Structures are given as structure tokens and as C-alpha cells.
Amino acid sequence: MLLSRRALLSTAGATAVLAAVSPTAAARPRTGSPVRQVPLQGAVNVRDLGGRPTLDGKRVRHGLVYRGDHLAKLTDADLAVLGGLGLARAVDFRIPTEVAHDGADRLPAGVAAVSRPVTDRGLFGQLMAAIGSRDPVRQEEMLGGGRAAAYMTEVYRTFVTDAANRAQFGRTLRELAEPGTGPVLYHCTSGKDRTGWTSWLLLRLVGVPERFATEDYLASNTFRAAYDARVREGLREGGLMRDPELIVPLQEVRGEYLDASLAEVAAGYGSLYRYATAGLGLDPRTLAGLRKRLVGRA
């Protein structure tokens, strides 16, 4: 089996805080990993999924699949950078509430915008209400004592158990396998959970060892660290949260979250291959097409 491994938010006041904390101000991460970031002013977690080695000594090709956080705050200079990638589509996993909060994607001319929402089980809306309340007791009751991490674990379970979510992931992966498809960027709000699960799956299904797929998943913590810290400080300074550290489990990716998805894969399907075929509707021809299109020589 290919198993084992183990939005922030606001209402009116917090919206102003988040607007002031733009990704432009976030420090660029320093990392020795082979991750190739796309440097943008209005997003911090956009990267090329290529470069990872496969079990047979090849590598995932660069320039075909990109993952990211939302693209609503891109500058004109950012649009020029994205325009140079030759993107055909940008797939947005955000739900309507998130799009209404942050705005629709800004995309270069000629890039097709595809809305493909994956549920967050109401997390975004609840956080907006809790943080906007400015009530430290309510915030502690919702997020403290391990409850924030537990909520994230439940969200990750629905990536596998929810039929509508599986349909969105499956359709995205099928499109990536189509011959002649242009480069694609998929994203959610922070580019770490829905996007992280899609990326982990894709890397594993084309033959990337588990440790490298997990390394890519966990890299969001590096790329988002400076920006997320500024968000927490803004919530504190704005009087919205007495203890903004409560949202850290929601800002981070963690091995335990990924493990929750994989536990559901094991329980419901027995193997990642069975999840891909029976759960996501990817037939063997599609899986072979993914590998053929995305994997090249080392």
C-alpha cells in the first residue's frame, strides 16, 4: 500500500487588520528544499510542484503544475509573472464565503478561472464570527484546549469521506492527466490544506516517495510563517484577540492532519490506489496518463 504518514478570518474589524497585513510585507522564506517558489507580492505560497524525485530515479517535470494560496491580491507585476508561466487554468478550491471575503482571483488574460469549491465544514464562517466578536472567552471555548487542531483533523477527514469533495479532487487530477493540457495552477485560501492534500496525492500517484511528498506538504509552514505571524500580531494590536496564538493550529499544516486523511483512506479503501480509483474515479489509464505527462528524466 502507498499509505502510512503519518483562514483566517474576521468580520469588519478583522477584515481591516488582514487588509493591512498584505503578503507584500511578508519576509521571503529561506529553505534548502528543492521547492521552487513563484515570487509574488500578493501571495506567499505559490510554487512549482515539479522537481521531486520519483521511485524509479526520474523527476516530476517543472512548469506543468503549480500550487498556491489565493490570487485575489495580486499586483500588476504579479500578473506579469504569472503570465510568463503560460497557465491555461486556475482552479479555485475556495467556497463562496471565502471568495466573498478575499475577492475573486486576479488572473492574466487568457487564463481560465475554474471554481471548484471543497467544503471546510463551516470553519471559515465560524472563525469570522468568533474573531469578530472580540470575546476572549468565546474564542477560548472554540479554539483552546486542542479544539482548533481537532477541527482541522475533522476537515481533513472530509477530504476522503465527503463524496462532493472527492468529486472535486478527482476532476482536478483527471484534467491534469489529459494530453496537451497547458500548465495549471490550483489553490485554496492559504494554499496548505485542500491544496496540500491535492499536491500530496498527485506526487504519490506519479511515484514520488512518501517522505518527499510530505516534505512538500509541510513546506507551507515555511512559506507562510512570516505572513501568518503578522496576521496574529495584527489581530492582537487591533484588539480582536487577546490570545491570537489560538489560531496557530489553523494556520499550520501538521503531520497529524495528513494522517487523519490517510486513516480514512485506509479505513474506507484499504490503499491509496483503491482510493484513487474507487473514491476519486481515476481509472488505470488516467493514472498512467498522469505519470506520462508529469514525470520526465532526472
Protein backbone atom coordinates (compact mmCIF):
# COMPACT_ATOMS: atom_id res chain seq x y z
CA MET A 1 0.00 0.00 0.00
CA LEU A 2 1.05 3.59 -0.63
CA LEU A 3 0.00 4.51 2.90
CA SER A 4 1.41 5.34 6.21
CA ARG A 5 2.27 9.02 7.01
CA ARG A 6 1.78 9.93 9.22
CA ALA A 7 -8.44 31.44 7.13
CA LEU A 8 -8.20 33.31 8.80
CA LEU A 9 -10.68 35.41 9.28
CA SER A 10 -12.69 38.04 10.64
CA THR A 11 -15.65 40.30 10.40
CA ALA A 12 -15.42 44.01 9.72
CA GLY A 13 -12.69 44.81 12.21
CA ALA A 14 -10.56 41.81 11.45
CA THR A 15 -11.01 42.40 7.72
CA ALA A 16 -9.29 45.73 8.14
CA VAL A 17 -6.45 44.07 10.02
CA LEU A 18 -5.95 41.48 7.31
CA ALA A 19 -6.04 44.11 4.59
CA ALA A 20 -3.24 45.95 6.36
CA VAL A 21 -1.16 42.79 6.61
CA SER A 22 -0.52 42.24 2.93
CA PRO A 23 1.60 39.37 1.62
CA THR A 24 3.86 42.01 0.10
CA ALA A 25 5.23 42.71 3.56
CA ALA A 26 5.97 39.08 4.38
CA ALA A 27 9.60 38.07 4.52
CA ARG A 28 10.64 35.60 1.84
CA PRO A 29 11.32 32.17 3.37
CA ARG A 30 14.78 30.67 3.36
CA THR A 31 14.75 26.98 2.71
CA GLY A 32 17.25 24.43 1.48
CA SER A 33 14.50 22.26 -0.01
CA PRO A 34 14.13 21.82 -3.78
CA VAL A 35 10.81 23.65 -3.71
CA ARG A 36 10.68 26.28 -6.47
CA GLN A 37 8.64 29.25 -5.26
CA VAL A 38 7.00 31.66 -7.69
CA PRO A 39 7.92 35.03 -6.12
CA LEU A 40 4.85 37.27 -5.93
CA GLN A 41 3.96 40.37 -3.96
CA GLY A 42 0.32 39.48 -3.37
CA ALA A 43 0.64 35.77 -2.47
CA VAL A 44 3.21 33.89 -0.41
CA ASN A 45 2.65 30.19 -1.11
CA VAL A 46 2.67 29.82 -4.89
CA ARG A 47 5.14 27.20 -6.08
CA ASP A 48 6.02 24.83 -8.88
CA LEU A 49 5.20 21.23 -7.97
CA GLY A 50 8.00 19.97 -10.21
CA GLY A 51 11.44 18.76 -9.22
CA ARG A 52 10.56 16.00 -6.78
CA PRO A 53 12.32 12.67 -7.47
CA THR A 54 10.35 9.51 -8.19
CA LEU A 55 11.00 5.98 -7.01
CA ASP A 56 12.48 4.97 -10.38
CA GLY A 57 15.04 7.76 -10.47
CA LYS A 58 13.10 10.28 -12.58
CA ARG A 59 11.66 13.66 -11.57
CA VAL A 60 8.37 15.50 -11.73
CA ARG A 61 8.58 17.97 -14.59
CA HIS A 62 8.74 21.68 -13.86
CA GLY A 63 6.36 24.15 -15.42
CA LEU A 64 3.23 22.00 -15.64
CA VAL A 65 1.54 22.09 -12.21
CA TYR A 66 1.58 24.96 -9.74
CA ARG A 67 0.01 25.12 -6.28
CA GLY A 68 -0.83 28.26 -4.37
CA ASP A 69 -2.76 30.42 -1.96
CA HIS A 70 -5.50 32.71 -3.23
CA LEU A 71 -4.77 35.12 -6.04
CA ALA A 72 -7.17 37.95 -5.20
CA LYS A 73 -4.48 40.38 -4.02
CA LEU A 74 -2.03 40.02 -6.89
CA THR A 75 -0.35 43.18 -8.15
CA ASP A 76 0.05 44.12 -11.80
CA ALA A 77 3.66 42.97 -11.52
CA ASP A 78 2.42 39.62 -10.19
CA LEU A 79 0.12 39.24 -13.17
CA ALA A 80 3.11 39.68 -15.44
CA VAL A 81 4.97 36.94 -13.54
CA LEU A 82 2.03 34.56 -13.78
CA GLY A 83 1.56 35.48 -17.42
CA GLY A 84 5.07 34.20 -18.07
CA LEU A 85 4.11 30.74 -16.80
CA GLY A 86 1.79 30.09 -19.73
CA LEU A 87 -1.08 28.97 -17.49
CA ALA A 88 -4.16 27.53 -19.12
CA ARG A 89 -6.36 27.31 -15.99
CA ALA A 90 -6.50 28.41 -12.38
CA VAL A 91 -8.61 26.05 -10.25
CA ASP A 92 -10.04 27.65 -7.10
CA PHE A 93 -10.98 25.30 -4.24
CA ARG A 94 -12.40 28.11 -2.09
CA ILE A 95 -16.05 28.14 -1.04
CA PRO A 96 -18.20 31.21 -1.90
CA THR A 97 -17.82 32.70 1.60
CA GLU A 98 -14.05 32.78 1.20
CA VAL A 99 -14.27 34.31 -2.26
CA ALA A 100 -16.66 36.97 -0.98
CA HIS A 101 -14.24 37.79 1.85
CA ASP A 102 -10.96 37.94 -0.08
CA GLY A 103 -12.19 38.60 -3.60
CA ALA A 104 -12.09 36.73 -6.88
CA ASP A 105 -8.76 35.72 -8.37
CA ARG A 106 -6.83 38.22 -10.43
CA LEU A 107 -5.52 36.34 -13.43
CA PRO A 108 -3.55 37.13 -16.57
CA ALA A 109 -5.52 37.46 -19.77
CA GLY A 110 -6.29 34.11 -21.33
CA VAL A 111 -6.20 32.08 -18.10
CA ALA A 112 -9.49 30.27 -17.49
CA ALA A 113 -10.86 30.67 -13.95
CA VAL A 114 -12.38 27.43 -12.64
CA SER A 115 -14.42 27.42 -9.43
CA ARG A 116 -14.27 24.02 -7.74
CA PRO A 117 -15.24 24.53 -4.07
CA VAL A 118 -14.20 21.99 -1.44
CA THR A 119 -16.04 22.32 1.86
CA ASP A 120 -14.30 23.49 5.01
CA ARG A 121 -17.19 22.26 7.22
CA GLY A 122 -18.09 25.85 8.12
CA LEU A 123 -14.69 26.66 9.61
CA PHE A 124 -14.17 29.96 7.81
CA GLY A 125 -17.56 31.37 8.78
CA GLN A 126 -17.25 30.29 12.40
CA LEU A 127 -13.83 31.87 12.71
CA MET A 128 -15.06 35.13 11.25
CA ALA A 129 -17.80 35.22 13.86
CA ALA A 130 -15.56 34.22 16.78
CA ILE A 131 -12.77 36.65 15.99
CA GLY A 132 -15.14 39.44 15.09
CA SER A 133 -16.83 39.02 18.47
CA ARG A 134 -13.63 40.23 20.21
CA ASP A 135 -14.69 37.93 23.06
CA PRO A 136 -11.69 36.08 24.52
CA VAL A 137 -13.93 33.64 26.40
CA ARG A 138 -15.79 32.66 23.25
CA GLN A 139 -12.54 32.36 21.34
CA GLU A 140 -11.02 30.15 24.01
CA GLU A 141 -14.10 27.96 24.11
CA MET A 142 -13.96 27.47 20.36
CA LEU A 143 -10.22 27.19 19.75
CA GLY A 144 -8.48 26.37 23.03
CA GLY A 145 -7.70 23.05 24.65
CA GLY A 146 -6.82 21.33 21.42
CA ARG A 147 -10.17 22.13 19.80
CA ALA A 148 -8.69 24.05 16.87
CA ALA A 149 -6.42 21.14 15.96
CA ALA A 150 -9.30 18.69 16.37
CA TYR A 151 -11.40 20.75 13.99
CA MET A 152 -8.64 20.70 11.40
CA THR A 153 -8.40 16.93 11.78
CA GLU A 154 -12.12 16.63 11.00
CA VAL A 155 -11.75 18.84 7.93
CA TYR A 156 -9.01 16.56 6.63
CA ARG A 157 -11.20 13.51 7.16
CA THR A 158 -13.84 15.01 4.89
CA PHE A 159 -11.30 15.22 2.07
CA VAL A 160 -11.75 11.44 1.90
CA THR A 161 -15.23 10.79 3.30
CA ASP A 162 -17.25 13.54 1.58
CA ALA A 163 -18.42 12.48 -1.89
CA ALA A 164 -18.63 16.06 -3.20
CA ASN A 165 -15.08 16.76 -2.08
CA ARG A 166 -13.83 13.58 -3.71
CA ALA A 167 -15.52 14.61 -6.95
CA GLN A 168 -13.68 17.96 -6.96
CA PHE A 169 -10.29 16.41 -6.28
CA GLY A 170 -10.89 13.65 -8.80
CA ARG A 171 -11.91 16.02 -11.56
CA THR A 172 -8.83 18.15 -10.98
CA LEU A 173 -6.50 15.16 -11.19
CA ARG A 174 -8.23 13.82 -14.31
CA GLU A 175 -7.74 17.13 -16.06
CA LEU A 176 -4.05 17.13 -15.17
CA ALA A 177 -3.69 13.76 -16.91
CA GLU A 178 -5.14 14.96 -20.22
CA PRO A 179 -2.57 15.07 -23.05
CA GLY A 180 -1.90 18.53 -24.40
CA THR A 181 -3.26 20.29 -21.33
CA GLY A 182 -1.49 23.57 -20.63
CA PRO A 183 0.05 24.40 -17.25
CA VAL A 184 -2.42 24.54 -14.37
CA LEU A 185 -2.40 26.33 -11.01
CA TYR A 186 -4.77 25.14 -8.28
CA HIS A 187 -5.23 26.87 -4.95
CA CYS A 188 -7.40 27.47 -1.90
CA THR A 189 -7.21 30.38 0.57
CA SER A 190 -3.87 29.65 2.26
CA GLY A 191 -2.61 27.05 -0.20
CA LYS A 192 -1.96 24.48 2.51
CA ASP A 193 -4.89 22.14 3.26
CA ARG A 194 -7.13 21.47 0.24
CA THR A 195 -4.22 22.41 -1.98
CA GLY A 196 -1.81 20.44 0.20
CA TRP A 197 -3.90 17.27 0.04
CA THR A 198 -4.24 17.54 -3.75
CA SER A 199 -0.49 18.00 -4.11
CA TRP A 200 0.39 15.14 -1.77
CA LEU A 201 -1.94 12.84 -3.70
CA LEU A 202 -0.59 13.91 -7.07
CA LEU A 203 3.02 13.41 -6.06
CA ARG A 204 2.36 9.99 -4.58
CA LEU A 205 0.30 8.84 -7.55
CA VAL A 206 3.08 9.66 -10.00
CA GLY A 207 5.63 7.76 -7.92
CA VAL A 208 7.22 10.32 -5.59
CA PRO A 209 8.35 8.68 -2.31
CA GLU A 210 6.22 9.45 0.68
CA ARG A 211 8.89 11.44 2.51
CA PHE A 212 9.29 13.87 -0.41
CA ALA A 213 5.55 14.28 -0.89
CA THR A 214 5.23 15.00 2.83
CA GLU A 215 8.14 17.43 2.68
CA ASP A 216 6.28 19.38 0.01
CA TYR A 217 3.13 19.35 2.15
CA LEU A 218 4.94 20.63 5.25
CA ALA A 219 6.79 23.33 3.31
CA SER A 220 3.71 25.56 3.61
CA ASN A 221 4.77 26.22 7.20
CA THR A 222 8.00 27.76 5.92
CA PHE A 223 6.46 29.82 3.16
CA ARG A 224 3.58 31.11 5.28
CA ALA A 225 5.39 31.66 8.60
CA ALA A 226 6.20 35.38 8.33
CA TYR A 227 2.82 36.35 6.92
CA ASP A 228 0.88 34.29 9.46
CA ALA A 229 2.86 35.80 12.33
CA ARG A 230 1.98 39.28 11.08
CA VAL A 231 -1.68 38.31 10.94
CA ARG A 232 -1.59 37.20 14.57
CA GLU A 233 0.14 40.37 15.64
CA GLY A 234 -2.40 42.44 13.73
CA LEU A 235 -5.27 40.68 15.49
CA ARG A 236 -3.64 41.40 18.85
CA GLU A 237 -2.86 45.04 18.07
CA GLY A 238 -6.34 45.55 16.63
CA GLY A 239 -7.94 44.36 19.86
CA LEU A 240 -9.66 41.45 18.14
CA MET A 241 -7.89 38.67 20.03
CA ARG A 242 -6.27 38.65 23.43
CA ASP A 243 -4.53 35.38 22.56
CA PRO A 244 -4.02 35.08 18.80
CA GLU A 245 -1.84 32.03 19.35
CA LEU A 246 -5.15 30.18 19.50
CA ILE A 247 -5.29 30.24 15.70
CA VAL A 248 -1.83 28.71 15.16
CA PRO A 249 -3.27 25.18 14.68
CA LEU A 250 -5.47 26.63 11.93
CA GLN A 251 -2.60 28.42 10.23
CA GLU A 252 -0.23 25.46 10.18
CA VAL A 253 -0.08 22.17 8.36
CA ARG A 254 0.76 19.21 10.57
CA GLY A 255 1.59 15.59 10.05
CA GLU A 256 -1.35 14.65 12.27
CA TYR A 257 -3.76 16.37 9.87
CA LEU A 258 -2.39 14.45 6.92
CA ASP A 259 -2.55 11.27 8.99
CA ALA A 260 -6.27 11.87 9.55
CA SER A 261 -6.91 11.80 5.80
CA LEU A 262 -4.75 8.73 5.36
CA ALA A 263 -6.52 6.93 8.19
CA GLU A 264 -9.80 7.44 6.33
CA VAL A 265 -8.18 6.17 3.13
CA ALA A 266 -7.07 3.03 4.96
CA ALA A 267 -10.44 2.52 6.66
CA GLY A 268 -12.58 3.16 3.62
CA TYR A 269 -10.47 1.90 0.74
CA GLY A 270 -7.54 -0.11 2.07
CA SER A 271 -4.94 1.54 -0.14
CA LEU A 272 -4.20 4.82 -1.84
CA TYR A 273 -4.59 3.15 -5.23
CA ARG A 274 -8.10 1.97 -4.32
CA TYR A 275 -8.98 5.45 -3.04
CA ALA A 276 -7.77 6.94 -6.32
CA THR A 277 -9.74 4.51 -8.46
CA ALA A 278 -12.90 3.81 -6.45
CA GLY A 279 -13.03 7.08 -4.48
CA LEU A 280 -11.80 9.64 -6.99
CA GLY A 281 -12.83 7.85 -10.17
CA LEU A 282 -9.34 7.73 -11.66
CA ASP A 283 -9.09 4.66 -13.88
CA PRO A 284 -5.74 2.98 -14.59
CA ARG A 285 -5.47 4.79 -17.91
CA THR A 286 -5.81 8.16 -16.16
CA LEU A 287 -3.20 7.23 -13.57
CA ALA A 288 -0.82 6.18 -16.33
CA GLY A 289 -1.56 9.45 -18.13
CA LEU A 290 -0.68 11.46 -15.04
CA ARG A 291 2.68 9.80 -14.81
CA LYS A 292 3.39 10.01 -18.53
CA ARG A 293 2.60 13.71 -18.67
CA LEU A 294 4.16 14.84 -15.41
CA VAL A 295 7.26 12.67 -14.96
CA GLY A 296 10.40 13.04 -17.04
CA ARG A 297 14.06 12.18 -16.92
CA ALA A 298 16.10 13.11 -13.88
